[in-house]
N, C-alpha and C. Protein backbone atom coordinates (compact mmCIF):
# COMPACT_ATOMS: atom_id res chain seq x y z
N MET A 1 37.97 -20.79 -0.36
CA MET A 1 38.05 -19.31 -1.16
C MET A 1 36.61 -18.97 -0.42
N ARG A 2 36.77 -17.83 -0.69
CA ARG A 2 35.71 -16.76 0.44
C ARG A 2 34.82 -16.45 -1.19
N ASP A 3 33.58 -16.44 -0.89
CA ASP A 3 32.37 -16.00 -1.82
C ASP A 3 32.75 -14.81 -2.37
N GLU A 4 33.60 -13.65 -2.15
CA GLU A 4 33.81 -12.58 -2.86
C GLU A 4 34.59 -12.88 -3.91
N ASP A 5 35.64 -14.23 -3.69
CA ASP A 5 36.33 -14.32 -4.40
C ASP A 5 35.79 -15.04 -6.25
N PHE A 6 34.81 -14.96 -6.02
CA PHE A 6 33.96 -15.59 -7.42
C PHE A 6 33.29 -14.31 -7.91
N GLY A 7 33.20 -13.25 -7.10
CA GLY A 7 32.23 -11.82 -7.90
C GLY A 7 30.99 -11.66 -7.35
N THR A 8 30.70 -10.60 -7.63
CA THR A 8 28.90 -10.39 -6.33
C THR A 8 28.28 -9.82 -7.63
N ILE A 9 27.18 -9.80 -6.99
CA ILE A 9 25.61 -9.68 -7.66
C ILE A 9 25.32 -8.41 -7.25
N ARG A 10 25.24 -7.28 -8.10
CA ARG A 10 24.48 -5.92 -7.61
C ARG A 10 23.15 -5.90 -7.89
N ILE A 11 22.17 -5.24 -6.91
CA ILE A 11 20.96 -4.94 -7.24
C ILE A 11 20.74 -3.63 -8.00
N LYS A 12 20.20 -3.26 -8.93
CA LYS A 12 19.92 -2.27 -9.58
C LYS A 12 18.70 -1.85 -9.46
N LEU A 13 17.78 -1.99 -8.69
CA LEU A 13 16.59 -2.03 -8.62
C LEU A 13 16.09 -0.64 -8.55
N GLU A 14 16.73 0.40 -7.83
CA GLU A 14 16.54 1.69 -6.76
C GLU A 14 16.76 2.41 -8.69
N GLU A 15 17.66 2.05 -9.30
CA GLU A 15 17.74 2.82 -10.70
C GLU A 15 16.69 2.55 -11.57
N VAL A 16 16.48 1.20 -11.74
CA VAL A 16 15.39 1.09 -12.75
C VAL A 16 13.94 1.64 -12.09
N ILE A 17 13.78 1.67 -10.92
CA ILE A 17 12.25 2.32 -10.53
C ILE A 17 12.51 3.58 -10.81
N GLN A 18 13.70 4.22 -10.48
CA GLN A 18 13.91 5.79 -10.75
C GLN A 18 13.78 5.88 -12.14
N GLN A 19 14.35 5.15 -13.14
CA GLN A 19 13.91 5.66 -14.71
C GLN A 19 12.49 5.11 -14.85
N SER A 20 11.94 4.69 -14.26
CA SER A 20 10.48 4.09 -14.58
C SER A 20 9.81 5.24 -14.04
N SER A 21 8.52 5.30 -14.81
CA SER A 21 7.23 6.56 -14.58
C SER A 21 6.67 6.12 -12.83
N LEU A 22 6.80 5.23 -12.27
CA LEU A 22 6.21 4.60 -11.24
C LEU A 22 6.85 4.87 -9.85
N SER A 23 6.20 5.31 -8.84
CA SER A 23 6.95 5.19 -7.42
C SER A 23 6.91 3.94 -6.73
N LYS A 24 7.80 4.02 -5.88
CA LYS A 24 7.92 2.72 -4.95
C LYS A 24 6.71 2.27 -4.22
N ASN A 25 6.00 3.05 -4.05
CA ASN A 25 4.77 2.69 -3.53
C ASN A 25 3.74 1.93 -4.82
N LYS A 26 3.96 2.53 -5.80
CA LYS A 26 3.13 1.70 -7.16
C LYS A 26 3.84 0.43 -7.64
N VAL A 27 5.36 0.30 -7.65
CA VAL A 27 5.75 -0.93 -7.42
C VAL A 27 5.46 -1.68 -6.81
N ALA A 28 5.35 -1.69 -5.34
CA ALA A 28 5.13 -2.36 -4.27
C ALA A 28 3.69 -2.76 -4.65
N GLN A 29 2.69 -1.63 -4.54
CA GLN A 29 1.47 -2.39 -4.95
C GLN A 29 1.35 -3.58 -6.29
N LEU A 30 1.91 -3.13 -7.44
CA LEU A 30 1.63 -3.94 -8.88
C LEU A 30 2.51 -5.19 -8.52
N SER A 31 3.59 -5.46 -7.95
CA SER A 31 4.31 -6.28 -7.26
C SER A 31 3.76 -7.71 -6.20
N GLN A 32 2.71 -6.48 -5.72
CA GLN A 32 2.29 -7.37 -4.01
C GLN A 32 3.53 -7.58 -3.64
N THR A 33 4.20 -6.66 -3.45
CA THR A 33 5.24 -6.63 -2.27
C THR A 33 5.49 -5.78 -1.12
N GLN A 34 5.80 -6.02 -0.09
CA GLN A 34 5.46 -5.00 0.82
C GLN A 34 6.44 -3.97 0.89
N ARG A 35 6.11 -2.70 1.08
CA ARG A 35 7.22 -1.79 0.54
C ARG A 35 8.72 -2.20 1.63
N GLY A 36 8.49 -2.39 2.77
CA GLY A 36 9.78 -2.68 3.72
C GLY A 36 10.58 -3.36 2.85
N GLN A 37 10.11 -4.68 2.25
CA GLN A 37 10.61 -5.70 1.62
C GLN A 37 11.58 -5.24 -0.20
N LEU A 38 10.21 -4.40 -0.58
CA LEU A 38 11.07 -3.55 -1.33
C LEU A 38 12.15 -2.49 -1.41
N ASN A 39 11.99 -1.61 -0.20
CA ASN A 39 13.20 -1.12 0.31
C ASN A 39 14.30 -2.13 0.47
N HIS A 40 14.60 -3.20 1.19
CA HIS A 40 15.63 -4.19 1.38
C HIS A 40 16.31 -4.20 0.03
N TYR A 41 15.65 -4.58 -1.18
CA TYR A 41 15.86 -5.04 -2.34
C TYR A 41 16.57 -4.02 -2.95
N CYS A 42 15.90 -2.93 -2.75
CA CYS A 42 16.23 -1.76 -3.58
C CYS A 42 17.99 -1.10 -2.90
N LYS A 43 17.95 -1.29 -1.33
CA LYS A 43 19.31 -1.00 -0.95
C LYS A 43 20.23 -2.16 -1.23
N GLY A 44 19.89 -3.23 -1.94
CA GLY A 44 21.04 -4.51 -1.58
C GLY A 44 20.89 -5.28 -0.55
N ASP A 45 19.90 -5.12 0.72
CA ASP A 45 19.99 -5.42 1.75
C ASP A 45 19.56 -6.72 2.09
N ILE A 46 19.77 -8.06 0.76
CA ILE A 46 19.26 -9.21 1.37
C ILE A 46 20.20 -10.02 0.75
N GLN A 47 20.22 -11.47 1.49
CA GLN A 47 21.09 -12.36 1.48
C GLN A 47 20.93 -13.50 0.30
N ARG A 48 19.13 -13.62 0.07
CA ARG A 48 19.19 -14.56 -0.68
C ARG A 48 17.55 -13.92 -1.69
N ILE A 49 17.96 -14.01 -2.69
CA ILE A 49 16.78 -13.50 -3.85
C ILE A 49 15.78 -14.42 -3.73
N ASP A 50 14.27 -13.90 -3.76
CA ASP A 50 13.31 -14.76 -3.64
C ASP A 50 12.65 -14.87 -5.67
N LEU A 51 12.96 -15.97 -6.11
CA LEU A 51 12.70 -15.80 -7.61
C LEU A 51 11.26 -14.91 -7.80
N ALA A 52 10.30 -15.78 -6.95
CA ALA A 52 9.05 -15.04 -6.98
C ALA A 52 8.73 -13.77 -7.22
N ILE A 53 9.64 -12.81 -6.43
CA ILE A 53 9.73 -11.56 -5.89
C ILE A 53 10.14 -10.54 -7.10
N LEU A 54 11.24 -11.47 -7.28
CA LEU A 54 12.07 -10.97 -8.57
C LEU A 54 10.99 -11.17 -10.14
N SER A 55 10.13 -11.99 -10.14
CA SER A 55 9.65 -12.13 -11.47
C SER A 55 8.61 -11.02 -11.15
N ARG A 56 7.77 -11.01 -10.00
CA ARG A 56 6.48 -9.90 -10.11
C ARG A 56 7.43 -8.44 -10.24
N LEU A 57 8.73 -8.13 -9.91
CA LEU A 57 9.07 -6.90 -9.82
C LEU A 57 9.39 -6.58 -11.19
N CYS A 58 9.98 -7.35 -12.06
CA CYS A 58 10.05 -7.48 -13.51
C CYS A 58 8.81 -6.96 -14.15
N TYR A 59 7.86 -8.15 -13.87
CA TYR A 59 6.33 -7.49 -14.30
C TYR A 59 5.83 -6.41 -14.25
N ALA A 60 6.20 -6.11 -12.87
CA ALA A 60 5.28 -4.52 -12.62
C ALA A 60 6.29 -3.48 -13.46
N LEU A 61 7.66 -3.39 -13.59
CA LEU A 61 8.57 -2.83 -14.03
C LEU A 61 8.42 -2.57 -15.53
N ASP A 62 7.76 -3.88 -16.17
CA ASP A 62 7.97 -4.34 -17.55
C ASP A 62 9.91 -4.17 -17.89
N CYS A 63 10.12 -5.07 -17.08
CA CYS A 63 11.87 -5.19 -17.20
C CYS A 63 12.24 -6.66 -17.58
N ARG A 64 13.49 -6.60 -17.76
CA ARG A 64 14.13 -8.12 -17.94
C ARG A 64 15.13 -8.18 -16.65
N VAL A 65 15.28 -9.30 -16.07
CA VAL A 65 16.13 -9.59 -14.75
C VAL A 65 17.45 -8.92 -15.03
N GLU A 66 18.02 -9.26 -16.34
CA GLU A 66 19.49 -8.44 -16.33
C GLU A 66 19.19 -6.75 -16.25
N ASP A 67 18.35 -6.44 -16.33
CA ASP A 67 17.96 -4.95 -15.73
C ASP A 67 18.21 -4.82 -14.28
N VAL A 68 17.87 -5.77 -13.67
CA VAL A 68 17.75 -5.34 -12.20
C VAL A 68 18.95 -5.96 -11.56
N LEU A 69 19.47 -7.03 -12.01
CA LEU A 69 20.78 -7.89 -11.27
C LEU A 69 21.88 -7.90 -12.57
N GLU A 70 23.19 -7.38 -11.71
CA GLU A 70 24.33 -7.31 -12.65
C GLU A 70 25.59 -7.93 -11.97
N TYR A 71 26.09 -8.78 -12.40
CA TYR A 71 27.21 -9.74 -12.25
C TYR A 71 28.65 -8.75 -11.76
N ILE A 72 28.99 -8.88 -11.28
CA ILE A 72 30.68 -8.10 -11.15
C ILE A 72 31.69 -9.19 -10.94
N PRO A 73 32.59 -9.34 -12.05
CA PRO A 73 33.23 -10.29 -11.74
C PRO A 73 34.41 -9.87 -10.55
N PRO A 74 35.06 -10.91 -10.19
CA PRO A 74 35.95 -10.54 -9.05
C PRO A 74 37.36 -9.87 -9.61
N GLN A 75 38.02 -8.73 -8.91
CA GLN A 75 39.35 -7.92 -9.16
C GLN A 75 40.33 -9.31 -9.23
N PRO A 76 41.18 -8.97 -10.24
CA PRO A 76 42.55 -9.82 -10.26
C PRO A 76 43.36 -9.95 -9.03
N LYS A 77 43.72 -10.77 -8.80
CA LYS A 77 44.84 -10.61 -7.49
C LYS A 77 46.18 -10.07 -7.99
N ASP A 78 46.95 -9.30 -6.98
CA ASP A 78 48.28 -8.93 -7.59
C ASP A 78 49.05 -9.90 -6.96
N PRO A 79 50.26 -10.18 -7.61
CA PRO A 79 50.96 -11.50 -7.88
C PRO A 79 51.90 -11.08 -6.45
N ILE A 80 52.03 -11.90 -5.54
CA ILE A 80 52.89 -11.95 -4.60
C ILE A 80 54.43 -11.54 -4.56
């Protein structure tokens, strides 16, 4: 089986930041994260999530992990 067969994780960080009153620069500062790294998370352009960074982002944005990450189940396969 392929990884996609188990579903995917969508990173909703960009949306959470837009809903907050904070700029990306302020989020980067509060979470002690480099702006480039923050942009990678916002675009979902990462392969492995760093739990320390995720914790700092949740702290900076005063949100929960489930606000930032969403599990999308796999699509049912069509019968052959």
